[in-house]
Structures are given as structure tokens and as C-alpha cells.
């Protein structure tokens, strides 16, 4: 639950990853992702079940 001084702008669902599925993501700006990987603006990568079972797209990520 957010604090009283925080405004909720968006609610995002998690993507459940299976053995043969992956998410193709792109960094919108430089940041460190939820798996402690440093990402540079414009960089693209895949998230699959080996990395995590469920992924929620971060504010600095875009689904390609």
C-alpha cells in the first residue's frame, strides 16, 4: 500500500514466464534493473524463466 503522500499513476500486471517464453525489453534510460544488472539507455535484452518466474516491467523499461 502506498503512503498517503504517494499518488498511484499506474497498476502493472506481472508477466508469467514459462519454459518457452521470454520478454524482449528495452531500457528507456540508464538504470540498474531488479536483477542487479546495469542497463544503458537503448539497450535491449531478454528476460526468461531462467532469470525469474514473473516479471513486472519497471518504469525505466519498455516491452519491445
N, C-alpha and C. Protein backbone atom coordinates (compact mmCIF):
# COMPACT_ATOMS: atom_id res chain seq x y z
N UNK A 1 0.84 -1.18 0.00
CA UNK A 1 0.00 0.00 0.00
C UNK A 1 0.88 1.25 0.00
N UNK A 2 0.60 2.18 -0.88
CA UNK A 2 1.36 3.42 -0.89
C UNK A 2 1.00 4.32 0.29
N UNK A 3 1.93 5.17 0.68
CA UNK A 3 1.68 6.14 1.74
C UNK A 3 0.67 7.18 1.26
N UNK A 4 0.15 7.98 2.17
CA UNK A 4 -0.83 9.00 1.84
C UNK A 4 -0.27 10.08 0.92
N UNK A 5 1.05 10.29 0.94
CA UNK A 5 1.65 11.33 0.11
C UNK A 5 2.11 10.81 -1.26
N UNK A 6 1.77 9.57 -1.61
CA UNK A 6 2.17 8.99 -2.89
C UNK A 6 0.93 8.84 -3.77
N UNK A 7 1.06 9.29 -5.01
CA UNK A 7 -0.03 9.18 -5.97
C UNK A 7 0.22 7.98 -6.88
N UNK A 8 -0.73 7.08 -6.99
CA UNK A 8 -0.61 5.91 -7.86
C UNK A 8 -0.99 6.34 -9.27
N UNK A 9 -0.05 6.19 -10.22
CA UNK A 9 -0.30 6.58 -11.60
C UNK A 9 -0.64 5.41 -12.49
N UNK A 10 -0.19 4.21 -12.11
CA UNK A 10 -0.36 3.06 -12.98
C UNK A 10 -0.30 1.78 -12.15
N UNK A 11 -1.09 0.81 -12.51
CA UNK A 11 -1.03 -0.52 -11.89
C UNK A 11 -0.61 -1.48 -12.99
N UNK A 12 0.47 -2.21 -12.76
CA UNK A 12 1.00 -3.11 -13.78
C UNK A 12 0.88 -4.55 -13.35
N UNK A 13 0.54 -5.40 -14.29
CA UNK A 13 0.44 -6.82 -14.03
C UNK A 13 1.79 -7.48 -14.33
N UNK A 14 2.06 -8.56 -13.64
CA UNK A 14 3.28 -9.30 -13.89
C UNK A 14 3.10 -10.26 -15.06
N UNK A 15 4.16 -10.45 -15.83
CA UNK A 15 4.17 -11.42 -16.93
C UNK A 15 4.70 -12.73 -16.38
N UNK A 16 3.90 -13.79 -16.46
CA UNK A 16 4.33 -15.11 -16.01
C UNK A 16 5.11 -15.74 -17.16
N UNK A 17 6.37 -16.09 -16.87
CA UNK A 17 7.24 -16.64 -17.90
C UNK A 17 7.25 -18.16 -17.79
N UNK A 18 7.13 -18.81 -18.94
CA UNK A 18 7.14 -20.27 -18.99
C UNK A 18 8.41 -20.72 -19.68
N UNK A 19 8.57 -22.01 -19.82
CA UNK A 19 9.81 -22.58 -20.35
C UNK A 19 10.18 -22.05 -21.73
N UNK A 20 9.19 -21.81 -22.58
CA UNK A 20 9.46 -21.39 -23.95
C UNK A 20 9.02 -19.97 -24.25
N UNK A 21 8.89 -19.12 -23.22
CA UNK A 21 8.53 -17.72 -23.43
C UNK A 21 9.58 -16.81 -22.82
N UNK A 22 9.67 -15.61 -23.37
CA UNK A 22 10.60 -14.61 -22.84
C UNK A 22 10.03 -13.22 -23.15
N UNK A 23 10.51 -12.23 -22.42
CA UNK A 23 10.13 -10.84 -22.69
C UNK A 23 11.32 -10.13 -23.33
N UNK A 24 11.07 -9.40 -24.39
CA UNK A 24 12.08 -8.59 -25.06
C UNK A 24 11.92 -7.17 -24.54
N UNK A 25 12.90 -6.69 -23.77
CA UNK A 25 12.80 -5.38 -23.12
C UNK A 25 13.83 -4.41 -23.66
N UNK A 26 13.54 -3.12 -23.48
CA UNK A 26 14.45 -2.05 -23.90
C UNK A 26 14.52 -1.02 -22.77
N UNK A 27 15.73 -0.56 -22.46
CA UNK A 27 15.93 0.46 -21.43
C UNK A 27 15.59 1.84 -21.98
N UNK A 28 14.78 2.58 -21.26
CA UNK A 28 14.42 3.94 -21.67
C UNK A 28 15.48 4.95 -21.22
N UNK A 29 16.22 4.61 -20.17
CA UNK A 29 17.31 5.45 -19.65
C UNK A 29 18.27 4.55 -18.90
N UNK A 30 19.40 5.06 -18.48
CA UNK A 30 20.36 4.28 -17.69
C UNK A 30 19.76 3.96 -16.33
N UNK A 31 19.85 2.69 -15.91
CA UNK A 31 19.36 2.30 -14.59
C UNK A 31 19.89 0.92 -14.25
N UNK A 32 19.70 0.49 -13.01
CA UNK A 32 20.03 -0.86 -12.57
C UNK A 32 18.71 -1.60 -12.37
N UNK A 33 18.56 -2.74 -13.05
CA UNK A 33 17.29 -3.46 -13.02
C UNK A 33 17.11 -4.25 -11.72
N UNK A 34 15.97 -4.91 -11.60
CA UNK A 34 15.62 -5.65 -10.38
C UNK A 34 16.54 -6.84 -10.13
N UNK A 35 17.32 -7.23 -11.14
CA UNK A 35 18.23 -8.37 -11.01
C UNK A 35 19.68 -7.91 -10.88
N UNK A 36 19.88 -6.64 -10.53
CA UNK A 36 21.17 -6.01 -10.29
C UNK A 36 22.05 -5.90 -11.54
N UNK A 37 21.42 -5.85 -12.71
CA UNK A 37 22.16 -5.65 -13.96
C UNK A 37 22.08 -4.18 -14.35
N UNK A 38 23.23 -3.59 -14.68
CA UNK A 38 23.23 -2.19 -15.12
C UNK A 38 22.83 -2.16 -16.59
N UNK A 39 21.84 -1.33 -16.89
CA UNK A 39 21.31 -1.19 -18.25
C UNK A 39 21.56 0.23 -18.73
N UNK A 40 21.91 0.36 -20.01
CA UNK A 40 22.13 1.67 -20.61
C UNK A 40 20.95 2.01 -21.51
N UNK A 41 20.66 3.29 -21.65
CA UNK A 41 19.55 3.75 -22.48
C UNK A 41 19.67 3.16 -23.88
N UNK A 42 18.58 2.57 -24.37
CA UNK A 42 18.56 1.97 -25.70
C UNK A 42 18.96 0.51 -25.74
N UNK A 43 19.54 -0.01 -24.66
CA UNK A 43 19.95 -1.41 -24.62
C UNK A 43 18.72 -2.32 -24.63
N UNK A 44 18.83 -3.45 -25.34
CA UNK A 44 17.74 -4.43 -25.38
C UNK A 44 18.23 -5.76 -24.83
N UNK A 45 17.34 -6.51 -24.20
CA UNK A 45 17.69 -7.80 -23.62
C UNK A 45 16.45 -8.65 -23.46
N UNK A 46 16.66 -9.93 -23.16
CA UNK A 46 15.56 -10.86 -22.92
C UNK A 46 15.52 -11.25 -21.46
N UNK A 47 14.32 -11.39 -20.93
CA UNK A 47 14.09 -11.95 -19.59
C UNK A 47 13.35 -13.26 -19.82
N UNK A 48 13.88 -14.35 -19.28
CA UNK A 48 13.21 -15.64 -19.43
C UNK A 48 13.06 -16.33 -18.08
N UNK A 49 12.53 -17.53 -18.09
CA UNK A 49 12.25 -18.27 -16.86
C UNK A 49 13.53 -18.58 -16.08
N UNK A 50 14.67 -18.63 -16.74
CA UNK A 50 15.94 -18.86 -16.03
C UNK A 50 16.26 -17.68 -15.11
N UNK A 51 15.81 -16.50 -15.50
CA UNK A 51 16.06 -15.29 -14.71
C UNK A 51 15.03 -15.14 -13.59
N UNK A 52 13.75 -15.30 -13.94
CA UNK A 52 12.67 -15.13 -12.97
C UNK A 52 11.40 -15.81 -13.48
N UNK A 53 10.50 -16.16 -12.58
CA UNK A 53 9.23 -16.78 -12.97
C UNK A 53 8.20 -15.74 -13.39
N UNK A 54 8.26 -14.55 -12.75
CA UNK A 54 7.31 -13.47 -13.04
C UNK A 54 8.11 -12.17 -13.14
N UNK A 55 7.80 -11.36 -14.16
CA UNK A 55 8.48 -10.07 -14.30
C UNK A 55 7.45 -8.96 -14.45
N UNK A 56 7.61 -7.91 -13.66
CA UNK A 56 6.79 -6.71 -13.78
C UNK A 56 7.68 -5.65 -14.42
N UNK A 57 7.21 -5.10 -15.53
CA UNK A 57 8.01 -4.12 -16.28
C UNK A 57 8.22 -2.87 -15.44
N UNK A 58 9.47 -2.48 -15.28
CA UNK A 58 9.88 -1.32 -14.49
C UNK A 58 9.54 -0.03 -15.22
N UNK A 59 9.53 1.06 -14.52
CA UNK A 59 9.25 2.37 -15.11
C UNK A 59 10.32 2.77 -16.13
N UNK A 60 11.51 2.19 -16.03
CA UNK A 60 12.61 2.52 -16.93
C UNK A 60 12.75 1.51 -18.07
N UNK A 61 11.79 0.57 -18.17
CA UNK A 61 11.83 -0.46 -19.20
C UNK A 61 10.63 -0.31 -20.13
N UNK A 62 10.80 -0.81 -21.36
CA UNK A 62 9.72 -0.81 -22.34
C UNK A 62 9.66 -2.19 -22.97
N UNK A 63 8.46 -2.73 -23.14
CA UNK A 63 8.28 -4.02 -23.80
C UNK A 63 8.41 -3.81 -25.30
N UNK A 64 9.32 -4.57 -25.93
CA UNK A 64 9.51 -4.47 -27.37
C UNK A 64 8.73 -5.59 -28.00
